[in-house]
């Protein structure tokens, strides 16, 4: 049996605190969804992509991985900053 139009709920990730370089990457990706000058939305296929997430061991070798298809950033939450981080 072939399924079409499958719906998967949003995936909420809470990764460890990231550096500004990584945060800027996701912010640029999120800003590519809508033209900020005209407020026109872009086409779905223009801003979705494949995301690969890996769990790394102490030597930075992948021990587990998943691949997300048609992924895009919907919301980027503020990060807590403090001396402990």
C-alpha atoms as a PDB file:
ATOM      1  CA  UNK A   1       0.000   0.000   0.000  1.00  0.00           C
ATOM      2  CA  UNK A   2       1.390   3.384  -1.005  1.00  0.00           C
ATOM      3  CA  UNK A   3       0.791   6.396   1.199  1.00  0.00           C
ATOM      4  CA  UNK A   4       0.703   9.937  -0.078  1.00  0.00           C
ATOM      5  CA  UNK A   5       0.527  13.282   1.665  1.00  0.00           C
ATOM      6  CA  UNK A   6       1.962  11.947   4.905  1.00  0.00           C
ATOM      7  CA  UNK A   7       2.047  14.488   7.690  1.00  0.00           C
ATOM      8  CA  UNK A   8       4.709  14.542  10.327  1.00  0.00           C
ATOM      9  CA  UNK A   9       4.440  16.894  13.302  1.00  0.00           C
ATOM     10  CA  UNK A  10       7.164  19.496  13.892  1.00  0.00           C
ATOM     11  CA  UNK A  11      10.368  18.258  15.458  1.00  0.00           C
ATOM     12  CA  UNK A  12      11.395  20.411  18.385  1.00  0.00           C
ATOM     13  CA  UNK A  13      15.118  20.195  18.973  1.00  0.00           C
ATOM     14  CA  UNK A  14      16.964  21.547  21.955  1.00  0.00           C
ATOM     15  CA  UNK A  15      20.613  21.195  21.049  1.00  0.00           C
ATOM     16  CA  UNK A  16      23.418  22.267  23.340  1.00  0.00           C
ATOM     17  CA  UNK A  17      24.297  25.971  23.171  1.00  0.00           C
ATOM     18  CA  UNK A  18      25.738  26.803  19.769  1.00  0.00           C
ATOM     19  CA  UNK A  19      28.316  29.304  18.723  1.00  0.00           C
ATOM     20  CA  UNK A  20      27.374  32.461  16.850  1.00  0.00           C
ATOM     21  CA  UNK A  21      28.551  30.917  13.565  1.00  0.00           C
ATOM     22  CA  UNK A  22      26.019  28.084  13.795  1.00  0.00           C
ATOM     23  CA  UNK A  23      23.260  30.402  15.051  1.00  0.00           C
ATOM     24  CA  UNK A  24      23.857  32.747  12.101  1.00  0.00           C
ATOM     25  CA  UNK A  25      23.543  29.785   9.694  1.00  0.00           C
ATOM     26  CA  UNK A  26      20.074  28.891  10.995  1.00  0.00           C
ATOM     27  CA  UNK A  27      18.994  32.546  11.079  1.00  0.00           C
ATOM     28  CA  UNK A  28      19.992  33.000   7.401  1.00  0.00           C
ATOM     29  CA  UNK A  29      18.109  29.809   6.533  1.00  0.00           C
ATOM     30  CA  UNK A  30      15.033  30.987   8.417  1.00  0.00           C
ATOM     31  CA  UNK A  31      15.192  34.396   6.705  1.00  0.00           C
ATOM     32  CA  UNK A  32      15.233  32.685   3.298  1.00  0.00           C
ATOM     33  CA  UNK A  33      11.605  31.571   3.802  1.00  0.00           C
ATOM     34  CA  UNK A  34      10.203  35.091   3.286  1.00  0.00           C
ATOM     35  CA  UNK A  35      11.596  38.009   1.297  1.00  0.00           C
ATOM     36  CA  UNK A  36      12.173  40.548   4.075  1.00  0.00           C
ATOM     37  CA  UNK A  37      11.734  43.523   1.678  1.00  0.00           C
ATOM     38  CA  UNK A  38       8.436  42.531   0.051  1.00  0.00           C
ATOM     39  CA  UNK A  39       7.122  40.069   2.678  1.00  0.00           C
ATOM     40  CA  UNK A  40       6.429  37.621  -0.152  1.00  0.00           C
ATOM     41  CA  UNK A  41       6.838  33.983   0.872  1.00  0.00           C
ATOM     42  CA  UNK A  42       9.263  31.875  -1.131  1.00  0.00           C
ATOM     43  CA  UNK A  43       8.362  28.580  -2.743  1.00  0.00           C
ATOM     44  CA  UNK A  44       8.466  25.533  -0.446  1.00  0.00           C
ATOM     45  CA  UNK A  45      11.089  23.749  -2.548  1.00  0.00           C
ATOM     46  CA  UNK A  46      13.367  26.808  -2.377  1.00  0.00           C
ATOM     47  CA  UNK A  47      13.858  26.748   1.402  1.00  0.00           C
ATOM     48  CA  UNK A  48      13.408  23.132   2.440  1.00  0.00           C
ATOM     49  CA  UNK A  49      16.372  20.822   2.648  1.00  0.00           C
ATOM     50  CA  UNK A  50      17.822  17.677   4.123  1.00  0.00           C
ATOM     51  CA  UNK A  51      19.290  17.805   7.626  1.00  0.00           C
ATOM     52  CA  UNK A  52      21.587  15.129   9.010  1.00  0.00           C
ATOM     53  CA  UNK A  53      21.963  14.881  12.787  1.00  0.00           C
ATOM     54  CA  UNK A  54      24.679  12.747  14.349  1.00  0.00           C
ATOM     55  CA  UNK A  55      25.491  11.680  17.883  1.00  0.00           C
ATOM     56  CA  UNK A  56      29.257  11.783  18.356  1.00  0.00           C
ATOM     57  CA  UNK A  57      31.473   9.889  20.759  1.00  0.00           C
ATOM     58  CA  UNK A  58      34.473  11.309  22.654  1.00  0.00           C
ATOM     59  CA  UNK A  59      36.606  11.148  19.487  1.00  0.00           C
ATOM     60  CA  UNK A  60      33.994  12.948  17.340  1.00  0.00           C
ATOM     61  CA  UNK A  61      33.045   9.744  15.513  1.00  0.00           C
ATOM     62  CA  UNK A  62      29.411   9.278  14.584  1.00  0.00           C
ATOM     63  CA  UNK A  63      27.735   6.583  16.671  1.00  0.00           C
ATOM     64  CA  UNK A  64      24.154   7.263  15.564  1.00  0.00           C
ATOM     65  CA  UNK A  65      22.498   9.400  12.929  1.00  0.00           C
ATOM     66  CA  UNK A  66      19.161  10.432  11.508  1.00  0.00           C
ATOM     67  CA  UNK A  67      18.234  12.222   8.308  1.00  0.00           C
ATOM     68  CA  UNK A  68      15.361  14.691   8.076  1.00  0.00           C
ATOM     69  CA  UNK A  69      13.784  15.370   4.691  1.00  0.00           C
ATOM     70  CA  UNK A  70      11.988  18.553   3.634  1.00  0.00           C
ATOM     71  CA  UNK A  71      13.214  20.274   6.791  1.00  0.00           C
ATOM     72  CA  UNK A  72      13.201  23.995   7.480  1.00  0.00           C
ATOM     73  CA  UNK A  73      13.583  26.172  10.575  1.00  0.00           C
ATOM     74  CA  UNK A  74      10.239  27.439  11.803  1.00  0.00           C
ATOM     75  CA  UNK A  75      11.345  29.166  14.995  1.00  0.00           C
ATOM     76  CA  UNK A  76      14.668  29.908  16.642  1.00  0.00           C
ATOM     77  CA  UNK A  77      14.365  30.490  20.380  1.00  0.00           C
ATOM     78  CA  UNK A  78      16.628  32.721  22.418  1.00  0.00           C
ATOM     79  CA  UNK A  79      19.544  31.004  24.105  1.00  0.00           C
ATOM     80  CA  UNK A  80      20.310  31.377  27.779  1.00  0.00           C
ATOM     81  CA  UNK A  81      23.718  32.878  28.339  1.00  0.00           C
ATOM     82  CA  UNK A  82      25.618  32.836  31.600  1.00  0.00           C
ATOM     83  CA  UNK A  83      28.869  31.953  33.290  1.00  0.00           C
ATOM     84  CA  UNK A  84      27.939  28.249  33.470  1.00  0.00           C
ATOM     85  CA  UNK A  85      27.739  28.050  29.673  1.00  0.00           C
END
